PDB file of N, CA and C in Angstrom:
ATOM      1  N   MET A   1     -25.772   0.133  44.308  1.00  0.00           N
ATOM      2  CA  MET A   1     -25.347   0.466  42.800  1.00  0.00           C
ATOM      3  C   MET A   1     -26.261  -0.141  41.978  1.00  0.00           C
ATOM      4  N   PRO A   2     -26.816   0.754  40.950  1.00  0.00           N
ATOM      5  CA  PRO A   2     -27.808  -0.120  40.032  1.00  0.00           C
ATOM      6  C   PRO A   2     -26.894  -1.236  39.183  1.00  0.00           C
ATOM      7  N   MET A   3     -27.859  -2.245  38.714  1.00  0.00           N
ATOM      8  CA  MET A   3     -27.339  -3.329  37.917  1.00  0.00           C
ATOM      9  C   MET A   3     -27.234  -2.616  36.512  1.00  0.00           C
ATOM     10  N   LYS A   4     -26.110  -3.154  35.592  1.00  0.00           N
ATOM     11  CA  LYS A   4     -26.003  -2.723  34.167  1.00  0.00           C
ATOM     12  C   LYS A   4     -26.872  -3.913  33.422  1.00  0.00           C
ATOM     13  N   ALA A   5     -27.475  -3.430  32.419  1.00  0.00           N
ATOM     14  CA  ALA A   5     -28.258  -4.168  31.607  1.00  0.00           C
ATOM     15  C   ALA A   5     -27.533  -5.474  30.898  1.00  0.00           C
ATOM     16  N   GLU A   6     -26.390  -5.222  30.512  1.00  0.00           N
ATOM     17  CA  GLU A   6     -25.460  -6.137  30.331  1.00  0.00           C
ATOM     18  C   GLU A   6     -25.333  -7.373  31.177  1.00  0.00           C
ATOM     19  N   ASP A   7     -25.068  -7.110  32.566  1.00  0.00           N
ATOM     20  CA  ASP A   7     -24.987  -8.009  33.676  1.00  0.00           C
ATOM     21  C   ASP A   7     -26.347  -8.771  33.621  1.00  0.00           C
ATOM     22  N   ILE A   8     -27.203  -8.154  33.668  1.00  0.00           N
ATOM     23  CA  ILE A   8     -28.684  -8.795  33.578  1.00  0.00           C
ATOM     24  C   ILE A   8     -28.887  -9.671  32.431  1.00  0.00           C
ATOM     25  N   GLU A   9     -28.415  -9.478  31.059  1.00  0.00           N
ATOM     26  CA  GLU A   9     -28.630 -10.174  30.108  1.00  0.00           C
ATOM     27  C   GLU A   9     -27.682 -11.479  30.426  1.00  0.00           C
ATOM     28  N   ALA A  10     -26.375 -11.227  30.610  1.00  0.00           N
ATOM     29  CA  ALA A  10     -25.369 -12.376  30.891  1.00  0.00           C
ATOM     30  C   ALA A  10     -25.811 -13.299  31.740  1.00  0.00           C
ATOM     31  N   MET A  11     -26.359 -12.893  32.660  1.00  0.00           N
ATOM     32  CA  MET A  11     -26.802 -13.948  33.836  1.00  0.00           C
ATOM     33  C   MET A  11     -28.040 -14.537  33.281  1.00  0.00           C
ATOM     34  N   ILE A  12     -29.011 -14.182  32.479  1.00  0.00           N
ATOM     35  CA  ILE A  12     -29.943 -14.995  31.974  1.00  0.00           C
ATOM     36  C   ILE A  12     -29.693 -15.735  30.881  1.00  0.00           C
ATOM     37  N   LYS A  13     -28.488 -15.227  30.110  1.00  0.00           N
ATOM     38  CA  LYS A  13     -27.804 -16.227  28.902  1.00  0.00           C
ATOM     39  C   LYS A  13     -27.152 -17.275  29.677  1.00  0.00           C
ATOM     40  N   THR A  14     -26.661 -17.115  30.708  1.00  0.00           N
ATOM     41  CA  THR A  14     -25.782 -18.276  31.207  1.00  0.00           C
ATOM     42  C   THR A  14     -26.869 -19.396  31.722  1.00  0.00           C
ATOM     43  N   ALA A  15     -27.923 -19.165  32.426  1.00  0.00           N
ATOM     44  CA  ALA A  15     -28.877 -19.862  32.882  1.00  0.00           C
ATOM     45  C   ALA A  15     -29.442 -20.440  31.801  1.00  0.00           C
ATOM     46  N   ILE A  16     -29.982 -19.823  30.599  1.00  0.00           N
ATOM     47  CA  ILE A  16     -30.720 -20.036  29.597  1.00  0.00           C
ATOM     48  C   ILE A  16     -30.150 -20.039  28.342  1.00  0.00           C
ATOM     49  N   PRO A  17     -29.238 -20.975  27.901  1.00  0.00           N
ATOM     50  CA  PRO A  17     -28.190 -20.597  26.964  1.00  0.00           C
ATOM     51  C   PRO A  17     -28.967 -20.061  25.605  1.00  0.00           C
ATOM     52  N   ASP A  18     -30.235 -20.664  25.346  1.00  0.00           N
ATOM     53  CA  ASP A  18     -30.424 -20.308  23.987  1.00  0.00           C
ATOM     54  C   ASP A  18     -31.488 -19.016  24.088  1.00  0.00           C
ATOM     55  N   ALA A  19     -31.504 -18.462  25.262  1.00  0.00           N
ATOM     56  CA  ALA A  19     -32.337 -17.103  25.262  1.00  0.00           C
ATOM     57  C   ALA A  19     -31.873 -15.972  24.414  1.00  0.00           C
ATOM     58  N   VAL A  20     -33.034 -15.405  23.719  1.00  0.00           N
ATOM     59  CA  VAL A  20     -32.579 -13.981  23.045  1.00  0.00           C
ATOM     60  C   VAL A  20     -33.060 -13.155  24.075  1.00  0.00           C
ATOM     61  N   VAL A  21     -32.289 -12.291  24.712  1.00  0.00           N
ATOM     62  CA  VAL A  21     -32.813 -11.051  25.625  1.00  0.00           C
ATOM     63  C   VAL A  21     -32.640 -10.051  25.093  1.00  0.00           C
ATOM     64  N   VAL A  22     -33.745  -8.955  25.323  1.00  0.00           N
ATOM     65  CA  VAL A  22     -33.925  -7.725  24.858  1.00  0.00           C
ATOM     66  C   VAL A  22     -34.361  -6.736  26.091  1.00  0.00           C
ATOM     67  N   ILE A  23     -33.158  -5.988  26.429  1.00  0.00           N
ATOM     68  CA  ILE A  23     -33.752  -5.059  27.722  1.00  0.00           C
ATOM     69  C   ILE A  23     -33.628  -3.762  27.251  1.00  0.00           C
ATOM     70  N   LYS A  24     -34.661  -3.139  27.985  1.00  0.00           N
ATOM     71  CA  LYS A  24     -34.586  -1.691  27.997  1.00  0.00           C
ATOM     72  C   LYS A  24     -34.654  -0.843  29.285  1.00  0.00           C
ATOM     73  N   ASP A  25     -33.814   0.050  29.517  1.00  0.00           N
ATOM     74  CA  ASP A  25     -33.883   0.851  30.758  1.00  0.00           C
ATOM     75  C   ASP A  25     -34.908   1.575  30.692  1.00  0.00           C
ATOM     76  N   LEU A  26     -36.134   1.681  31.312  1.00  0.00           N
ATOM     77  CA  LEU A  26     -37.347   2.293  31.605  1.00  0.00           C
ATOM     78  C   LEU A  26     -37.226   3.769  31.727  1.00  0.00           C
ATOM     79  N   ALA A  27     -36.364   3.829  32.760  1.00  0.00           N
ATOM     80  CA  ALA A  27     -36.436   5.383  33.450  1.00  0.00           C
ATOM     81  C   ALA A  27     -34.991   6.013  33.507  1.00  0.00           C
ATOM     82  N   GLY A  28     -33.943   5.176  32.479  1.00  0.00           N
ATOM     83  CA  GLY A  28     -32.724   5.755  32.504  1.00  0.00           C
ATOM     84  C   GLY A  28     -31.867   5.929  33.949  1.00  0.00           C
ATOM     85  N   ASP A  29     -32.182   5.092  34.777  1.00  0.00           N
ATOM     86  CA  ASP A  29     -31.679   5.123  36.321  1.00  0.00           C
ATOM     87  C   ASP A  29     -30.992   3.848  36.405  1.00  0.00           C
ATOM     88  N   GLY A  30     -30.822   2.831  35.504  1.00  0.00           N
ATOM     89  CA  GLY A  30     -30.225   1.604  35.769  1.00  0.00           C
ATOM     90  C   GLY A  30     -30.986   0.847  36.777  1.00  0.00           C
ATOM     91  N   ASP A  31     -32.183   1.083  37.364  1.00  0.00           N
ATOM     92  CA  ASP A  31     -32.988   0.409  38.436  1.00  0.00           C
ATOM     93  C   ASP A  31     -34.089  -0.008  37.900  1.00  0.00           C
ATOM     94  N   HIS A  32     -34.848   0.311  36.783  1.00  0.00           N
ATOM     95  CA  HIS A  32     -36.117   0.082  36.363  1.00  0.00           C
ATOM     96  C   HIS A  32     -36.153  -0.472  34.963  1.00  0.00           C
ATOM     97  N   TYR A  33     -36.074  -1.744  34.819  1.00  0.00           N
ATOM     98  CA  TYR A  33     -35.777  -2.400  33.509  1.00  0.00           C
ATOM     99  C   TYR A  33     -37.131  -3.014  32.930  1.00  0.00           C
ATOM    100  N   ALA A  34     -37.158  -3.214  31.713  1.00  0.00           N
ATOM    101  CA  ALA A  34     -38.103  -4.187  31.006  1.00  0.00           C
ATOM    102  C   ALA A  34     -37.459  -5.049  30.095  1.00  0.00           C
ATOM    103  N   ALA A  35     -37.509  -6.210  30.331  1.00  0.00           N
ATOM    104  CA  ALA A  35     -36.899  -7.236  29.441  1.00  0.00           C
ATOM    105  C   ALA A  35     -37.800  -8.454  28.939  1.00  0.00           C
ATOM    106  N   THR A  36     -37.511  -8.491  27.639  1.00  0.00           N
ATOM    107  CA  THR A  36     -38.356  -9.831  26.839  1.00  0.00           C
ATOM    108  C   THR A  36     -37.183 -10.836  26.618  1.00  0.00           C
ATOM    109  N   VAL A  37     -37.627 -11.983  27.169  1.00  0.00           N
ATOM    110  CA  VAL A  37     -36.810 -13.271  27.030  1.00  0.00           C
ATOM    111  C   VAL A  37     -37.568 -14.110  26.338  1.00  0.00           C
ATOM    112  N   THR A  38     -36.746 -14.705  24.853  1.00  0.00           N
ATOM    113  CA  THR A  38     -37.303 -15.676  24.040  1.00  0.00           C
ATOM    114  C   THR A  38     -36.487 -16.944  24.300  1.00  0.00           C
ATOM    115  N   SER A  39     -37.128 -17.879  24.271  1.00  0.00           N
ATOM    116  CA  SER A  39     -36.511 -19.365  24.565  1.00  0.00           C
ATOM    117  C   SER A  39     -37.385 -20.453  24.408  1.00  0.00           C
ATOM    118  N   ALA A  40     -36.883 -21.603  23.524  1.00  0.00           N
ATOM    119  CA  ALA A  40     -37.504 -22.602  23.490  1.00  0.00           C
ATOM    120  C   ALA A  40     -37.896 -23.458  24.789  1.00  0.00           C
ATOM    121  N   ALA A  41     -36.778 -23.294  25.686  1.00  0.00           N
ATOM    122  CA  ALA A  41     -36.785 -23.776  27.040  1.00  0.00           C
ATOM    123  C   ALA A  41     -38.212 -23.491  27.707  1.00  0.00           C
ATOM    124  N   PHE A  42     -38.854 -22.439  27.404  1.00  0.00           N
ATOM    125  CA  PHE A  42     -40.238 -22.103  27.643  1.00  0.00           C
ATOM    126  C   PHE A  42     -41.540 -22.780  27.421  1.00  0.00           C
ATOM    127  N   LYS A  43     -40.983 -23.808  26.165  1.00  0.00           N
ATOM    128  CA  LYS A  43     -42.477 -24.467  25.654  1.00  0.00           C
ATOM    129  C   LYS A  43     -42.939 -25.317  26.633  1.00  0.00           C
ATOM    130  N   GLY A  44     -44.497 -25.421  26.681  1.00  0.00           N
ATOM    131  CA  GLY A  44     -45.081 -26.253  27.259  1.00  0.00           C
ATOM    132  C   GLY A  44     -45.090 -25.622  28.931  1.00  0.00           C
ATOM    133  N   MET A  45     -44.685 -24.590  29.208  1.00  0.00           N
ATOM    134  CA  MET A  45     -44.479 -24.261  30.539  1.00  0.00           C
ATOM    135  C   MET A  45     -45.527 -23.230  30.685  1.00  0.00           C
ATOM    136  N   PRO A  46     -45.920 -23.418  31.892  1.00  0.00           N
ATOM    137  CA  PRO A  46     -47.061 -21.939  32.290  1.00  0.00           C
ATOM    138  C   PRO A  46     -46.245 -20.610  32.378  1.00  0.00           C
ATOM    139  N   ARG A  47     -46.903 -19.582  32.176  1.00  0.00           N
ATOM    140  CA  ARG A  47     -46.143 -18.341  32.205  1.00  0.00           C
ATOM    141  C   ARG A  47     -45.214 -18.103  33.565  1.00  0.00           C
ATOM    142  N   VAL A  48     -45.958 -18.336  34.899  1.00  0.00           N
ATOM    143  CA  VAL A  48     -45.420 -18.145  36.018  1.00  0.00           C
ATOM    144  C   VAL A  48     -44.122 -19.147  35.853  1.00  0.00           C
ATOM    145  N   ARG A  49     -44.044 -20.243  35.635  1.00  0.00           N
ATOM    146  CA  ARG A  49     -42.933 -20.956  35.754  1.00  0.00           C
ATOM    147  C   ARG A  49     -41.889 -20.199  34.609  1.00  0.00           C
ATOM    148  N   GLN A  50     -42.192 -20.048  33.571  1.00  0.00           N
ATOM    149  CA  GLN A  50     -41.211 -19.044  32.669  1.00  0.00           C
ATOM    150  C   GLN A  50     -40.657 -18.065  33.454  1.00  0.00           C
ATOM    151  N   HIS A  51     -41.252 -17.220  34.336  1.00  0.00           N
ATOM    152  CA  HIS A  51     -40.876 -15.954  34.943  1.00  0.00           C
ATOM    153  C   HIS A  51     -40.021 -16.460  35.920  1.00  0.00           C
ATOM    154  N   GLN A  52     -40.348 -17.538  36.621  1.00  0.00           N
ATOM    155  CA  GLN A  52     -39.484 -18.213  37.791  1.00  0.00           C
ATOM    156  C   GLN A  52     -38.032 -18.677  37.401  1.00  0.00           C
ATOM    157  N   MET A  53     -38.107 -19.231  36.337  1.00  0.00           N
ATOM    158  CA  MET A  53     -36.861 -19.483  35.458  1.00  0.00           C
ATOM    159  C   MET A  53     -35.809 -18.256  35.360  1.00  0.00           C
ATOM    160  N   VAL A  54     -36.260 -17.174  34.842  1.00  0.00           N
ATOM    161  CA  VAL A  54     -35.777 -15.815  34.702  1.00  0.00           C
ATOM    162  C   VAL A  54     -35.173 -15.345  35.860  1.00  0.00           C
ATOM    163  N   TYR A  55     -36.191 -15.231  36.753  1.00  0.00           N
ATOM    164  CA  TYR A  55     -35.675 -14.773  38.134  1.00  0.00           C
ATOM    165  C   TYR A  55     -34.717 -15.485  38.964  1.00  0.00           C
ATOM    166  N   ASP A  56     -34.934 -16.947  38.821  1.00  0.00           N
ATOM    167  CA  ASP A  56     -34.052 -17.759  39.335  1.00  0.00           C
ATOM    168  C   ASP A  56     -32.443 -17.471  38.724  1.00  0.00           C
ATOM    169  N   ALA A  57     -32.378 -17.086  37.523  1.00  0.00           N
ATOM    170  CA  ALA A  57     -31.345 -16.496  36.809  1.00  0.00           C
ATOM    171  C   ALA A  57     -30.491 -15.611  37.337  1.00  0.00           C
ATOM    172  N   LEU A  58     -31.340 -14.720  37.708  1.00  0.00           N
ATOM    173  CA  LEU A  58     -30.848 -13.374  38.385  1.00  0.00           C
ATOM    174  C   LEU A  58     -30.354 -13.628  39.740  1.00  0.00           C
ATOM    175  N   LYS A  59     -30.266 -14.985  40.447  1.00  0.00           N
ATOM    176  CA  LYS A  59     -29.611 -15.274  41.666  1.00  0.00           C
ATOM    177  C   LYS A  59     -29.965 -14.360  42.777  1.00  0.00           C
ATOM    178  N   GLY A  60     -31.092 -13.819  43.005  1.00  0.00           N
ATOM    179  CA  GLY A  60     -31.424 -12.924  44.141  1.00  0.00           C
ATOM    180  C   GLY A  60     -31.309 -11.741  44.232  1.00  0.00           C
ATOM    181  N   ASN A  61     -30.823 -11.203  43.108  1.00  0.00           N
ATOM    182  CA  ASN A  61     -30.783  -9.755  42.865  1.00  0.00           C
ATOM    183  C   ASN A  61     -31.775  -9.094  42.803  1.00  0.00           C
ATOM    184  N   MET A  62     -33.049  -9.671  42.350  1.00  0.00           N
ATOM    185  CA  MET A  62     -34.082  -9.116  42.176  1.00  0.00           C
ATOM    186  C   MET A  62     -34.798  -8.426  43.600  1.00  0.00           C
ATOM    187  N   GLY A  63     -35.414  -7.293  43.359  1.00  0.00           N
ATOM    188  CA  GLY A  63     -35.578  -6.836  44.716  1.00  0.00           C
ATOM    189  C   GLY A  63     -34.668  -6.064  45.642  1.00  0.00           C
ATOM    190  N   GLY A  64     -33.150  -6.278  45.091  1.00  0.00           N
ATOM    191  CA  GLY A  64     -32.046  -5.829  45.706  1.00  0.00           C
ATOM    192  C   GLY A  64     -31.281  -4.828  45.211  1.00  0.00           C
ATOM    193  N   VAL A  65     -30.590  -5.318  44.442  1.00  0.00           N
ATOM    194  CA  VAL A  65     -29.718  -4.531  43.351  1.00  0.00           C
ATOM    195  C   VAL A  65     -30.418  -3.979  42.295  1.00  0.00           C
ATOM    196  N   LEU A  66     -31.100  -5.092  41.778  1.00  0.00           N
ATOM    197  CA  LEU A  66     -32.199  -4.713  40.347  1.00  0.00           C
ATOM    198  C   LEU A  66     -33.550  -4.439  41.267  1.00  0.00           C
ATOM    199  N   HIS A  67     -34.109  -3.290  40.996  1.00  0.00           N
ATOM    200  CA  HIS A  67     -35.010  -2.802  41.817  1.00  0.00           C
ATOM    201  C   HIS A  67     -36.316  -3.400  40.879  1.00  0.00           C
ATOM    202  N   ALA A  68     -36.422  -3.042  39.861  1.00  0.00           N
ATOM    203  CA  ALA A  68     -37.704  -3.455  39.021  1.00  0.00           C
ATOM    204  C   ALA A  68     -37.464  -3.929  37.789  1.00  0.00           C
ATOM    205  N   LEU A  69     -38.223  -4.995  37.296  1.00  0.00           N
ATOM    206  CA  LEU A  69     -37.934  -5.668  36.203  1.00  0.00           C
ATOM    207  C   LEU A  69     -39.324  -6.130  35.304  1.00  0.00           C
ATOM    208  N   ALA A  70     -39.939  -5.328  34.570  1.00  0.00           N
ATOM    209  CA  ALA A  70     -41.194  -5.968  33.861  1.00  0.00           C
ATOM    210  C   ALA A  70     -40.766  -6.716  32.831  1.00  0.00           C
ATOM    211  N   LEU A  71     -41.067  -7.906  32.949  1.00  0.00           N
ATOM    212  CA  LEU A  71     -40.737  -9.349  32.250  1.00  0.00           C
ATOM    213  C   LEU A  71     -41.888  -9.754  31.199  1.00  0.00           C
ATOM    214  N   THR A  72     -41.413 -10.007  30.253  1.00  0.00           N
ATOM    215  CA  THR A  72     -42.153 -10.438  29.260  1.00  0.00           C
ATOM    216  C   THR A  72     -41.541 -11.942  28.525  1.00  0.00           C
ATOM    217  N   THR A  73     -41.932 -13.033  28.701  1.00  0.00           N
ATOM    218  CA  THR A  73     -41.142 -14.263  28.101  1.00  0.00           C
ATOM    219  C   THR A  73     -42.029 -14.814  27.062  1.00  0.00           C
ATOM    220  N   LEU A  74     -41.367 -15.301  26.200  1.00  0.00           N
ATOM    221  CA  LEU A  74     -41.902 -15.754  24.881  1.00  0.00           C
ATOM    222  C   LEU A  74     -41.229 -17.124  24.331  1.00  0.00           C
ATOM    223  N   VAL A  75     -41.770 -17.919  23.674  1.00  0.00           N
ATOM    224  CA  VAL A  75     -41.771 -19.081  22.974  1.00  0.00           C
ATOM    225  C   VAL A  75     -41.331 -18.711  21.365  1.00  0.00           C
ATOM    226  N   PRO A  76     -40.297 -19.179  20.979  1.00  0.00           N
ATOM    227  CA  PRO A  76     -39.862 -18.782  19.450  1.00  0.00           C
ATOM    228  C   PRO A  76     -40.871 -19.478  18.577  1.00  0.00           C
ATOM    229  N   GLN A  77     -41.466 -18.643  17.586  1.00  0.00           N
ATOM    230  CA  GLN A  77     -42.520 -19.386  16.804  1.00  0.00           C
ATOM    231  C   GLN A  77     -41.569 -19.715  15.251  1.00  0.00           C
ATOM    232  N   ASN A  78     -41.549 -21.170  15.185  1.00  0.00           N
ATOM    233  CA  ASN A  78     -40.908 -21.691  14.159  1.00  0.00           C
ATOM    234  C   ASN A  78     -41.751 -22.316  13.145  1.00  0.00           C
TER     235      ASN A  78
END
């Protein structure tokens, strides 16, 4: 069963509380998403570590229930 965008967003926000999460269903099938995650927690981290934080938040669903996620991470510009 595909994963809902709302569930992906909730899991990310639980792990990264200040995150602003925007998710798009790329194929309309609930299996292929693009997510942009913006968080001050990413400040000073290499992009690889930022992505690892997001994947960790998904608790092993990546590659299983969640087939594909194109991920963009950003630090807020204040």
